[in-house]
Amino acid sequence: MSTSPRRRPRQFLALTTDTLPARAYLGLVAVGVLVLFLAPGSPYAMASALLTAPLSFLPVFLPFGAATTEGGAADIVAAALYGGWLLLCALVNAAAFGALARRPDRTPSARPGRALLTAAVDNWPARLYVAVVAAALGTFLYAVLLSPDPGFAGIWPILAAAPLSFLAVAVSAPAEYALPWLGTLVFTAGVVLAGLVNAVLIGRLARKVGGSPLSRG
Protein backbone atom coordinates (compact mmCIF):
# COMPACT_ATOMS: atom_id res chain seq x y z
CA MET A 1 0.00 0.00 0.00
CA SER A 2 1.39 3.37 -1.01
CA THR A 3 1.23 6.53 1.08
CA SER A 4 -1.22 9.23 -0.03
CA PRO A 5 0.58 12.09 -1.85
CA ARG A 6 -0.93 14.57 0.61
CA ARG A 7 0.55 12.69 3.55
CA ARG A 8 4.03 12.25 2.10
CA PRO A 9 5.43 15.65 3.25
CA ARG A 10 4.03 15.05 6.74
CA GLN A 11 5.49 11.53 6.77
CA PHE A 12 8.84 12.87 5.60
CA LEU A 13 8.99 15.54 8.32
CA ALA A 14 7.99 13.00 10.95
CA LEU A 15 10.90 10.78 9.94
CA THR A 16 13.33 13.66 10.53
CA THR A 17 12.51 14.01 14.22
CA ASP A 18 10.65 11.02 15.65
CA THR A 19 13.65 8.72 16.22
CA LEU A 20 16.79 9.11 18.30
CA PRO A 21 19.21 8.46 15.38
CA ALA A 22 17.53 11.19 13.30
CA ARG A 23 17.61 13.72 16.16
CA ALA A 24 21.23 12.87 17.00
CA TYR A 25 22.19 13.33 13.36
CA LEU A 26 20.54 16.75 13.18
CA GLY A 27 22.39 17.70 16.36
CA LEU A 28 25.71 16.79 14.75
CA VAL A 29 24.86 18.82 11.67
CA ALA A 30 23.99 21.80 13.88
CA VAL A 31 27.39 21.55 15.55
CA GLY A 32 29.05 21.38 12.13
CA VAL A 33 27.23 24.51 10.96
CA LEU A 34 28.23 26.30 14.16
CA VAL A 35 31.89 25.42 13.54
CA LEU A 36 31.53 26.67 9.96
CA PHE A 37 30.40 30.09 11.21
CA LEU A 38 32.79 30.37 14.16
CA ALA A 39 35.91 28.99 12.47
CA PRO A 40 35.49 29.08 8.68
CA GLY A 41 39.22 28.57 8.18
CA SER A 42 39.37 25.48 10.38
CA PRO A 43 39.78 21.97 8.87
CA TYR A 44 36.54 21.11 10.69
CA ALA A 45 34.62 23.71 8.70
CA MET A 46 33.90 21.02 6.11
CA ALA A 47 32.05 18.94 8.71
CA SER A 48 28.62 20.26 7.72
CA ALA A 49 29.20 19.40 4.06
CA LEU A 50 30.51 15.92 4.89
CA LEU A 51 27.66 15.20 7.27
CA THR A 52 25.08 16.15 4.66
CA ALA A 53 26.78 14.26 1.80
CA PRO A 54 26.29 13.05 -0.86
CA LEU A 55 23.57 15.60 -1.76
CA SER A 56 25.57 18.47 -0.30
CA PHE A 57 28.18 18.06 -3.03
CA LEU A 58 25.66 18.59 -5.82
CA PRO A 59 26.28 22.39 -5.86
CA VAL A 60 29.72 21.57 -7.28
CA PHE A 61 27.86 21.13 -10.56
CA LEU A 62 25.51 24.10 -10.04
CA PRO A 63 26.08 27.89 -10.37
CA PHE A 64 25.90 28.51 -6.65
CA GLY A 65 27.75 27.36 -3.59
CA ALA A 66 30.19 28.35 -0.90
CA ALA A 67 32.89 29.07 -3.48
CA THR A 68 30.94 31.89 -5.16
CA THR A 69 32.94 35.10 -4.65
CA GLU A 70 31.27 37.79 -6.73
CA GLY A 71 30.99 40.08 -3.73
CA GLY A 72 28.15 42.14 -2.29
CA ALA A 73 24.63 40.93 -2.97
CA ALA A 74 25.89 37.97 -5.01
CA ASP A 75 27.67 36.58 -1.96
CA ILE A 76 24.56 36.99 0.17
CA VAL A 77 22.35 35.23 -2.37
CA ALA A 78 24.90 32.44 -2.83
CA ALA A 79 25.25 31.95 0.92
CA ALA A 80 21.46 31.87 1.36
CA LEU A 81 21.02 29.33 -1.43
CA TYR A 82 23.83 27.16 -0.12
CA GLY A 83 22.52 27.36 3.44
CA GLY A 84 19.05 26.39 2.29
CA TRP A 85 20.49 23.50 0.30
CA LEU A 86 22.46 22.24 3.32
CA LEU A 87 19.28 22.38 5.39
CA LEU A 88 17.38 20.34 2.80
CA CYS A 89 20.23 17.82 2.60
CA ALA A 90 20.26 17.53 6.38
CA LEU A 91 16.50 16.89 6.48
CA VAL A 92 16.74 14.24 3.75
CA ASN A 93 19.56 12.43 5.56
CA ALA A 94 17.79 12.71 8.91
CA ALA A 95 14.66 11.22 7.37
CA ALA A 96 16.78 8.40 5.93
CA PHE A 97 18.20 7.65 9.38
CA GLY A 98 14.70 7.77 10.79
CA ALA A 99 13.48 5.32 8.17
CA LEU A 100 16.42 3.01 8.86
CA ALA A 101 15.69 3.06 12.58
CA ARG A 102 12.19 1.78 12.00
CA ARG A 103 11.43 -1.90 11.62
CA PRO A 104 12.20 -3.06 8.05
CA ASP A 105 9.24 -4.10 5.91
CA ARG A 106 9.74 -7.76 5.06
CA THR A 107 7.91 -10.99 4.58
CA PRO A 108 8.01 -13.47 7.49
CA SER A 109 10.33 -15.78 5.55
CA ALA A 110 12.85 -13.08 4.62
CA ARG A 111 16.11 -12.80 6.52
CA PRO A 112 16.64 -9.42 8.24
CA GLY A 113 19.90 -8.71 6.42
CA ARG A 114 18.49 -9.62 3.05
CA ALA A 115 15.36 -7.55 3.68
CA LEU A 116 17.53 -4.54 4.52
CA LEU A 117 19.74 -4.89 1.43
CA THR A 118 16.71 -5.35 -0.82
CA ALA A 119 15.86 -1.70 -0.17
CA ALA A 120 18.89 -0.75 -2.29
CA VAL A 121 17.41 -2.19 -5.50
CA ASP A 122 13.62 -2.53 -5.29
CA ASN A 123 12.67 1.15 -5.76
CA TRP A 124 13.52 3.74 -8.38
CA PRO A 125 15.26 6.37 -6.19
CA ALA A 126 17.77 3.77 -4.93
CA ARG A 127 18.20 2.28 -8.40
CA LEU A 128 18.92 5.71 -9.85
CA TYR A 129 21.49 6.39 -7.15
CA VAL A 130 23.18 3.02 -7.74
CA ALA A 131 23.36 3.87 -11.46
CA VAL A 132 25.06 7.20 -10.65
CA VAL A 133 27.64 5.51 -8.42
CA ALA A 134 28.24 2.80 -11.03
CA ALA A 135 28.77 5.42 -13.75
CA ALA A 136 31.19 7.39 -11.56
CA LEU A 137 33.11 4.26 -10.62
CA GLY A 138 33.16 3.07 -14.21
CA THR A 139 34.60 6.42 -15.30
CA PHE A 140 37.30 6.11 -12.64
CA LEU A 141 38.23 2.54 -13.62
CA TYR A 142 38.37 3.44 -17.30
CA ALA A 143 40.62 6.41 -16.56
CA VAL A 144 42.94 4.40 -14.32
CA LEU A 145 43.13 1.17 -16.32
CA LEU A 146 42.77 2.32 -19.94
CA SER A 147 43.40 6.04 -20.17
CA PRO A 148 46.99 7.33 -20.49
CA ASP A 149 46.16 10.26 -18.22
CA PRO A 150 43.69 9.38 -15.41
CA GLY A 151 43.82 12.93 -14.02
CA PHE A 152 41.39 13.47 -11.17
CA ALA A 153 38.89 10.78 -12.20
CA GLY A 154 38.78 9.49 -8.62
CA ILE A 155 36.88 12.58 -7.49
CA TRP A 156 33.65 11.42 -9.14
CA PRO A 157 33.15 8.17 -7.19
CA ILE A 158 34.30 9.95 -4.02
CA LEU A 159 31.61 12.59 -4.38
CA ALA A 160 28.95 10.12 -5.50
CA ALA A 161 29.45 7.75 -2.57
CA ALA A 162 30.30 10.33 0.11
CA PRO A 163 30.73 10.56 3.01
CA LEU A 164 31.94 6.98 3.61
CA SER A 165 33.90 7.06 0.35
CA PHE A 166 36.42 9.32 2.09
CA LEU A 167 37.22 6.38 4.35
CA ALA A 168 37.88 4.35 1.21
CA VAL A 169 40.45 6.95 0.20
CA ALA A 170 42.17 6.75 3.59
CA VAL A 171 42.21 2.94 3.63
CA SER A 172 43.44 2.61 0.04
CA ALA A 173 46.27 5.15 0.38
CA PRO A 174 48.77 2.75 2.07
CA ALA A 175 47.93 0.01 -0.44
CA GLU A 176 48.36 2.48 -3.31
CA TYR A 177 51.82 3.33 -2.02
CA ALA A 178 52.85 -0.34 -1.89
CA LEU A 179 51.09 -1.66 -5.01
CA PRO A 180 49.09 0.68 -7.27
CA TRP A 181 46.77 -2.06 -8.48
CA LEU A 182 46.00 -3.06 -4.88
CA GLY A 183 45.19 0.54 -4.02
CA THR A 184 42.76 0.69 -6.95
CA LEU A 185 41.14 -2.57 -5.82
CA VAL A 186 40.75 -1.42 -2.21
CA PHE A 187 39.40 1.96 -3.28
CA THR A 188 36.90 0.36 -5.67
CA ALA A 189 35.67 -2.05 -2.99
CA GLY A 190 35.36 0.81 -0.51
CA VAL A 191 33.33 2.93 -2.91
CA VAL A 192 31.04 -0.03 -3.65
CA LEU A 193 30.39 -0.54 0.07
CA ALA A 194 29.90 3.21 0.67
CA GLY A 195 27.47 3.42 -2.23
CA LEU A 196 25.59 0.37 -0.95
CA VAL A 197 25.12 1.99 2.45
CA ASN A 198 23.75 5.15 0.84
CA ALA A 199 21.50 3.13 -1.47
CA VAL A 200 20.01 1.27 1.49
CA LEU A 201 19.31 4.56 3.26
CA ILE A 202 17.71 6.01 0.12
CA GLY A 203 15.65 2.89 -0.40
CA ARG A 204 14.44 2.78 3.18
CA LEU A 205 13.44 6.45 2.95
CA ALA A 206 11.64 5.87 -0.35
CA ARG A 207 9.71 2.98 1.18
CA LYS A 208 8.59 4.90 4.24
CA VAL A 209 7.60 8.07 2.40
CA GLY A 210 6.18 6.64 -0.79
CA GLY A 211 5.03 3.17 0.17
CA SER A 212 6.68 -0.23 0.54
CA PRO A 213 8.16 -0.95 -1.88
CA LEU A 214 8.10 1.74 -4.55
CA SER A 215 7.74 0.83 -8.18
CA ARG A 216 8.65 -2.82 -7.80
CA GLY A 217 9.70 -4.55 -10.96
C-alpha atoms as a PDB file:
ATOM      1  CA  MET A   1       0.000   0.000   0.000  1.00  0.00           C
ATOM      2  CA  SER A   2       1.391   3.375  -1.005  1.00  0.00           C
ATOM      3  CA  THR A   3       1.234   6.530   1.075  1.00  0.00           C
ATOM      4  CA  SER A   4      -1.217   9.229  -0.028  1.00  0.00           C
ATOM      5  CA  PRO A   5       0.577  12.088  -1.855  1.00  0.00           C
ATOM      6  CA  ARG A   6      -0.927  14.572   0.615  1.00  0.00           C
ATOM      7  CA  ARG A   7       0.548  12.689   3.553  1.00  0.00           C
ATOM      8  CA  ARG A   8       4.033  12.253   2.104  1.00  0.00           C
ATOM      9  CA  PRO A   9       5.425  15.652   3.247  1.00  0.00           C
ATOM     10  CA  ARG A  10       4.032  15.046   6.740  1.00  0.00           C
ATOM     11  CA  GLN A  11       5.495  11.531   6.772  1.00  0.00           C
ATOM     12  CA  PHE A  12       8.840  12.875   5.597  1.00  0.00           C
ATOM     13  CA  LEU A  13       8.986  15.537   8.317  1.00  0.00           C
ATOM     14  CA  ALA A  14       7.985  12.998  10.950  1.00  0.00           C
ATOM     15  CA  LEU A  15      10.901  10.784   9.944  1.00  0.00           C
ATOM     16  CA  THR A  16      13.328  13.663  10.525  1.00  0.00           C
ATOM     17  CA  THR A  17      12.505  14.013  14.224  1.00  0.00           C
ATOM     18  CA  ASP A  18      10.649  11.016  15.647  1.00  0.00           C
ATOM     19  CA  THR A  19      13.647   8.722  16.224  1.00  0.00           C
ATOM     20  CA  LEU A  20      16.792   9.114  18.305  1.00  0.00           C
ATOM     21  CA  PRO A  21      19.210   8.464  15.384  1.00  0.00           C
ATOM     22  CA  ALA A  22      17.534  11.195  13.302  1.00  0.00           C
ATOM     23  CA  ARG A  23      17.613  13.716  16.163  1.00  0.00           C
ATOM     24  CA  ALA A  24      21.227  12.868  16.998  1.00  0.00           C
ATOM     25  CA  TYR A  25      22.193  13.330  13.362  1.00  0.00           C
ATOM     26  CA  LEU A  26      20.537  16.752  13.184  1.00  0.00           C
ATOM     27  CA  GLY A  27      22.389  17.700  16.356  1.00  0.00           C
ATOM     28  CA  LEU A  28      25.711  16.787  14.751  1.00  0.00           C
ATOM     29  CA  VAL A  29      24.863  18.817  11.672  1.00  0.00           C
ATOM     30  CA  ALA A  30      23.986  21.804  13.875  1.00  0.00           C
ATOM     31  CA  VAL A  31      27.389  21.548  15.553  1.00  0.00           C
ATOM     32  CA  GLY A  32      29.050  21.378  12.128  1.00  0.00           C
ATOM     33  CA  VAL A  33      27.226  24.508  10.961  1.00  0.00           C
ATOM     34  CA  LEU A  34      28.225  26.300  14.162  1.00  0.00           C
ATOM     35  CA  VAL A  35      31.886  25.420  13.543  1.00  0.00           C
ATOM     36  CA  LEU A  36      31.527  26.668   9.964  1.00  0.00           C
ATOM     37  CA  PHE A  37      30.399  30.088  11.214  1.00  0.00           C
ATOM     38  CA  LEU A  38      32.789  30.368  14.160  1.00  0.00           C
ATOM     39  CA  ALA A  39      35.913  28.990  12.474  1.00  0.00           C
ATOM     40  CA  PRO A  40      35.488  29.082   8.682  1.00  0.00           C
ATOM     41  CA  GLY A  41      39.223  28.566   8.181  1.00  0.00           C
ATOM     42  CA  SER A  42      39.369  25.477  10.375  1.00  0.00           C
ATOM     43  CA  PRO A  43      39.779  21.974   8.866  1.00  0.00           C
ATOM     44  CA  TYR A  44      36.543  21.113  10.687  1.00  0.00           C
ATOM     45  CA  ALA A  45      34.619  23.714   8.697  1.00  0.00           C
ATOM     46  CA  MET A  46      33.898  21.021   6.112  1.00  0.00           C
ATOM     47  CA  ALA A  47      32.053  18.943   8.711  1.00  0.00           C
ATOM     48  CA  SER A  48      28.621  20.258   7.724  1.00  0.00           C
ATOM     49  CA  ALA A  49      29.196  19.396   4.055  1.00  0.00           C
ATOM     50  CA  LEU A  50      30.510  15.921   4.894  1.00  0.00           C
ATOM     51  CA  LEU A  51      27.660  15.197   7.270  1.00  0.00           C
ATOM     52  CA  THR A  52      25.078  16.152   4.658  1.00  0.00           C
ATOM     53  CA  ALA A  53      26.779  14.265   1.799  1.00  0.00           C
ATOM     54  CA  PRO A  54      26.285  13.053  -0.862  1.00  0.00           C
ATOM     55  CA  LEU A  55      23.572  15.596  -1.763  1.00  0.00           C
ATOM     56  CA  SER A  56      25.571  18.474  -0.295  1.00  0.00           C
ATOM     57  CA  PHE A  57      28.182  18.057  -3.035  1.00  0.00           C
ATOM     58  CA  LEU A  58      25.662  18.591  -5.818  1.00  0.00           C
ATOM     59  CA  PRO A  59      26.279  22.394  -5.860  1.00  0.00           C
ATOM     60  CA  VAL A  60      29.720  21.567  -7.284  1.00  0.00           C
ATOM     61  CA  PHE A  61      27.861  21.126 -10.561  1.00  0.00           C
ATOM     62  CA  LEU A  62      25.509  24.103 -10.040  1.00  0.00           C
ATOM     63  CA  PRO A  63      26.081  27.888 -10.369  1.00  0.00           C
ATOM     64  CA  PHE A  64      25.903  28.515  -6.650  1.00  0.00           C
ATOM     65  CA  GLY A  65      27.747  27.358  -3.588  1.00  0.00           C
ATOM     66  CA  ALA A  66      30.191  28.347  -0.896  1.00  0.00           C
ATOM     67  CA  ALA A  67      32.893  29.073  -3.477  1.00  0.00           C
ATOM     68  CA  THR A  68      30.943  31.892  -5.163  1.00  0.00           C
ATOM     69  CA  THR A  69      32.939  35.099  -4.650  1.00  0.00           C
ATOM     70  CA  GLU A  70      31.270  37.790  -6.734  1.00  0.00           C
ATOM     71  CA  GLY A  71      30.989  40.084  -3.727  1.00  0.00           C
ATOM     72  CA  GLY A  72      28.155  42.139  -2.293  1.00  0.00           C
ATOM     73  CA  ALA A  73      24.629  40.928  -2.971  1.00  0.00           C
ATOM     74  CA  ALA A  74      25.892  37.972  -5.007  1.00  0.00           C
ATOM     75  CA  ASP A  75      27.670  36.581  -1.956  1.00  0.00           C
ATOM     76  CA  ILE A  76      24.558  36.988   0.172  1.00  0.00           C
ATOM     77  CA  VAL A  77      22.354  35.228  -2.369  1.00  0.00           C
ATOM     78  CA  ALA A  78      24.896  32.441  -2.833  1.00  0.00           C
ATOM     79  CA  ALA A  79      25.253  31.955   0.918  1.00  0.00           C
ATOM     80  CA  ALA A  80      21.461  31.868   1.365  1.00  0.00           C
ATOM     81  CA  LEU A  81      21.024  29.329  -1.428  1.00  0.00           C
ATOM     82  CA  TYR A  82      23.835  27.161  -0.117  1.00  0.00           C
ATOM     83  CA  GLY A  83      22.515  27.364   3.441  1.00  0.00           C
ATOM     84  CA  GLY A  84      19.049  26.389   2.292  1.00  0.00           C
ATOM     85  CA  TRP A  85      20.495  23.502   0.295  1.00  0.00           C
ATOM     86  CA  LEU A  86      22.457  22.238   3.317  1.00  0.00           C
ATOM     87  CA  LEU A  87      19.278  22.378   5.393  1.00  0.00           C
ATOM     88  CA  LEU A  88      17.385  20.345   2.802  1.00  0.00           C
ATOM     89  CA  CYS A  89      20.233  17.821   2.598  1.00  0.00           C
ATOM     90  CA  ALA A  90      20.256  17.525   6.385  1.00  0.00           C
ATOM     91  CA  LEU A  91      16.501  16.892   6.475  1.00  0.00           C
ATOM     92  CA  VAL A  92      16.741  14.236   3.753  1.00  0.00           C
ATOM     93  CA  ASN A  93      19.561  12.435   5.560  1.00  0.00           C
ATOM     94  CA  ALA A  94      17.787  12.713   8.913  1.00  0.00           C
ATOM     95  CA  ALA A  95      14.657  11.215   7.370  1.00  0.00           C
ATOM     96  CA  ALA A  96      16.779   8.398   5.932  1.00  0.00           C
ATOM     97  CA  PHE A  97      18.204   7.650   9.383  1.00  0.00           C
ATOM     98  CA  GLY A  98      14.703   7.774  10.793  1.00  0.00           C
ATOM     99  CA  ALA A  99      13.480   5.323   8.169  1.00  0.00           C
ATOM    100  CA  LEU A 100      16.422   3.012   8.858  1.00  0.00           C
ATOM    101  CA  ALA A 101      15.693   3.060  12.584  1.00  0.00           C
ATOM    102  CA  ARG A 102      12.187   1.779  12.000  1.00  0.00           C
ATOM    103  CA  ARG A 103      11.427  -1.899  11.617  1.00  0.00           C
ATOM    104  CA  PRO A 104      12.198  -3.064   8.055  1.00  0.00           C
ATOM    105  CA  ASP A 105       9.238  -4.100   5.909  1.00  0.00           C
ATOM    106  CA  ARG A 106       9.740  -7.757   5.058  1.00  0.00           C
ATOM    107  CA  THR A 107       7.907 -10.987   4.583  1.00  0.00           C
ATOM    108  CA  PRO A 108       8.007 -13.473   7.489  1.00  0.00           C
ATOM    109  CA  SER A 109      10.327 -15.776   5.546  1.00  0.00           C
ATOM    110  CA  ALA A 110      12.854 -13.082   4.617  1.00  0.00           C
ATOM    111  CA  ARG A 111      16.113 -12.803   6.522  1.00  0.00           C
ATOM    112  CA  PRO A 112      16.635  -9.417   8.239  1.00  0.00           C
ATOM    113  CA  GLY A 113      19.903  -8.711   6.425  1.00  0.00           C
ATOM    114  CA  ARG A 114      18.485  -9.617   3.046  1.00  0.00           C
ATOM    115  CA  ALA A 115      15.361  -7.548   3.683  1.00  0.00           C
ATOM    116  CA  LEU A 116      17.534  -4.543   4.519  1.00  0.00           C
ATOM    117  CA  LEU A 117      19.738  -4.893   1.425  1.00  0.00           C
ATOM    118  CA  THR A 118      16.705  -5.346  -0.824  1.00  0.00           C
ATOM    119  CA  ALA A 119      15.856  -1.698  -0.168  1.00  0.00           C
ATOM    120  CA  ALA A 120      18.889  -0.749  -2.292  1.00  0.00           C
ATOM    121  CA  VAL A 121      17.413  -2.187  -5.500  1.00  0.00           C
ATOM    122  CA  ASP A 122      13.621  -2.533  -5.285  1.00  0.00           C
ATOM    123  CA  ASN A 123      12.674   1.148  -5.757  1.00  0.00           C
ATOM    124  CA  TRP A 124      13.521   3.736  -8.377  1.00  0.00           C
ATOM    125  CA  PRO A 125      15.264   6.367  -6.185  1.00  0.00           C
ATOM    126  CA  ALA A 126      17.768   3.768  -4.933  1.00  0.00           C
ATOM    127  CA  ARG A 127      18.196   2.283  -8.401  1.00  0.00           C
ATOM    128  CA  LEU A 128      18.925   5.708  -9.855  1.00  0.00           C
ATOM    129  CA  TYR A 129      21.493   6.391  -7.146  1.00  0.00           C
ATOM    130  CA  VAL A 130      23.176   3.019  -7.740  1.00  0.00           C
ATOM    131  CA  ALA A 131      23.361   3.872 -11.457  1.00  0.00           C
ATOM    132  CA  VAL A 132      25.056   7.199 -10.654  1.00  0.00           C
ATOM    133  CA  VAL A 133      27.641   5.510  -8.419  1.00  0.00           C
ATOM    134  CA  ALA A 134      28.238   2.802 -11.027  1.00  0.00           C
ATOM    135  CA  ALA A 135      28.767   5.417 -13.749  1.00  0.00           C
ATOM    136  CA  ALA A 136      31.187   7.393 -11.563  1.00  0.00           C
ATOM    137  CA  LEU A 137      33.106   4.261 -10.616  1.00  0.00           C
ATOM    138  CA  GLY A 138      33.158   3.067 -14.211  1.00  0.00           C
ATOM    139  CA  THR A 139      34.599   6.420 -15.299  1.00  0.00           C
ATOM    140  CA  PHE A 140      37.296   6.107 -12.641  1.00  0.00           C
ATOM    141  CA  LEU A 141      38.231   2.543 -13.621  1.00  0.00           C
ATOM    142  CA  TYR A 142      38.371   3.443 -17.298  1.00  0.00           C
ATOM    143  CA  ALA A 143      40.618   6.413 -16.561  1.00  0.00           C
ATOM    144  CA  VAL A 144      42.942   4.402 -14.318  1.00  0.00           C
ATOM    145  CA  LEU A 145      43.131   1.174 -16.319  1.00  0.00           C
ATOM    146  CA  LEU A 146      42.765   2.317 -19.937  1.00  0.00           C
ATOM    147  CA  SER A 147      43.403   6.044 -20.172  1.00  0.00           C
ATOM    148  CA  PRO A 148      46.994   7.325 -20.492  1.00  0.00           C
ATOM    149  CA  ASP A 149      46.157  10.264 -18.216  1.00  0.00           C
ATOM    150  CA  PRO A 150      43.691   9.385 -15.410  1.00  0.00           C
ATOM    151  CA  GLY A 151      43.824  12.925 -14.025  1.00  0.00           C
ATOM    152  CA  PHE A 152      41.386  13.467 -11.167  1.00  0.00           C
ATOM    153  CA  ALA A 153      38.888  10.782 -12.195  1.00  0.00           C
ATOM    154  CA  GLY A 154      38.777   9.493  -8.624  1.00  0.00           C
ATOM    155  CA  ILE A 155      36.882  12.584  -7.492  1.00  0.00           C
ATOM    156  CA  TRP A 156      33.647  11.419  -9.140  1.00  0.00           C
ATOM    157  CA  PRO A 157      33.154   8.170  -7.188  1.00  0.00           C
ATOM    158  CA  ILE A 158      34.301   9.948  -4.016  1.00  0.00           C
ATOM    159  CA  LEU A 159      31.607  12.595  -4.382  1.00  0.00           C
ATOM    160  CA  ALA A 160      28.947  10.118  -5.505  1.00  0.00           C
ATOM    161  CA  ALA A 161      29.449   7.749  -2.570  1.00  0.00           C
ATOM    162  CA  ALA A 162      30.300  10.333   0.110  1.00  0.00           C
ATOM    163  CA  PRO A 163      30.726  10.556   3.009  1.00  0.00           C
ATOM    164  CA  LEU A 164      31.944   6.976   3.606  1.00  0.00           C
ATOM    165  CA  SER A 165      33.904   7.060   0.352  1.00  0.00           C
ATOM    166  CA  PHE A 166      36.419   9.322   2.094  1.00  0.00           C
ATOM    167  CA  LEU A 167      37.216   6.383   4.345  1.00  0.00           C
ATOM    168  CA  ALA A 168      37.875   4.347   1.213  1.00  0.00           C
ATOM    169  CA  VAL A 169      40.454   6.947   0.200  1.00  0.00           C
ATOM    170  CA  ALA A 170      42.168   6.751   3.586  1.00  0.00           C
ATOM    171  CA  VAL A 171      42.210   2.943   3.629  1.00  0.00           C
ATOM    172  CA  SER A 172      43.436   2.606   0.044  1.00  0.00           C
ATOM    173  CA  ALA A 173      46.270   5.147   0.383  1.00  0.00           C
ATOM    174  CA  PRO A 174      48.771   2.752   2.067  1.00  0.00           C
ATOM    175  CA  ALA A 175      47.929   0.015  -0.438  1.00  0.00           C
ATOM    176  CA  GLU A 176      48.365   2.476  -3.314  1.00  0.00           C
ATOM    177  CA  TYR A 177      51.819   3.333  -2.025  1.00  0.00           C
ATOM    178  CA  ALA A 178      52.845  -0.339  -1.892  1.00  0.00           C
ATOM    179  CA  LEU A 179      51.085  -1.661  -5.008  1.00  0.00           C
ATOM    180  CA  PRO A 180      49.095   0.684  -7.272  1.00  0.00           C
ATOM    181  CA  TRP A 181      46.765  -2.065  -8.480  1.00  0.00           C
ATOM    182  CA  LEU A 182      46.004  -3.061  -4.882  1.00  0.00           C
ATOM    183  CA  GLY A 183      45.188   0.539  -4.015  1.00  0.00           C
ATOM    184  CA  THR A 184      42.760   0.689  -6.946  1.00  0.00           C
ATOM    185  CA  LEU A 185      41.142  -2.565  -5.824  1.00  0.00           C
ATOM    186  CA  VAL A 186      40.745  -1.416  -2.211  1.00  0.00           C
ATOM    187  CA  PHE A 187      39.400   1.961  -3.282  1.00  0.00           C
ATOM    188  CA  THR A 188      36.898   0.359  -5.671  1.00  0.00           C
ATOM    189  CA  ALA A 189      35.667  -2.048  -2.993  1.00  0.00           C
ATOM    190  CA  GLY A 190      35.363   0.808  -0.510  1.00  0.00           C
ATOM    191  CA  VAL A 191      33.327   2.933  -2.914  1.00  0.00           C
ATOM    192  CA  VAL A 192      31.036  -0.027  -3.650  1.00  0.00           C
ATOM    193  CA  LEU A 193      30.386  -0.536   0.070  1.00  0.00           C
ATOM    194  CA  ALA A 194      29.902   3.214   0.673  1.00  0.00           C
ATOM    195  CA  GLY A 195      27.467   3.421  -2.230  1.00  0.00           C
ATOM    196  CA  LEU A 196      25.589   0.373  -0.952  1.00  0.00           C
ATOM    197  CA  VAL A 197      25.116   1.995   2.455  1.00  0.00           C
ATOM    198  CA  ASN A 198      23.752   5.147   0.836  1.00  0.00           C
ATOM    199  CA  ALA A 199      21.497   3.128  -1.473  1.00  0.00           C
ATOM    200  CA  VAL A 200      20.005   1.266   1.490  1.00  0.00           C
ATOM    201  CA  LEU A 201      19.306   4.559   3.257  1.00  0.00           C
ATOM    202  CA  ILE A 202      17.714   6.008   0.121  1.00  0.00           C
ATOM    203  CA  GLY A 203      15.648   2.887  -0.403  1.00  0.00           C
ATOM    204  CA  ARG A 204      14.438   2.779   3.175  1.00  0.00           C
ATOM    205  CA  LEU A 205      13.440   6.453   2.951  1.00  0.00           C
ATOM    206  CA  ALA A 206      11.641   5.874  -0.354  1.00  0.00           C
ATOM    207  CA  ARG A 207       9.707   2.985   1.176  1.00  0.00           C
ATOM    208  CA  LYS A 208       8.593   4.899   4.235  1.00  0.00           C
ATOM    209  CA  VAL A 209       7.601   8.066   2.401  1.00  0.00           C
ATOM    210  CA  GLY A 210       6.176   6.637  -0.790  1.00  0.00           C
ATOM    211  CA  GLY A 211       5.028   3.165   0.169  1.00  0.00           C
ATOM    212  CA  SER A 212       6.684  -0.227   0.540  1.00  0.00           C
ATOM    213  CA  PRO A 213       8.157  -0.954  -1.875  1.00  0.00           C
ATOM    214  CA  LEU A 214       8.102   1.737  -4.555  1.00  0.00           C
ATOM    215  CA  SER A 215       7.738   0.834  -8.178  1.00  0.00           C
ATOM    216  CA  ARG A 216       8.645  -2.820  -7.801  1.00  0.00           C
ATOM    217  CA  GLY A 217       9.701  -4.546 -10.960  1.00  0.00           C
END
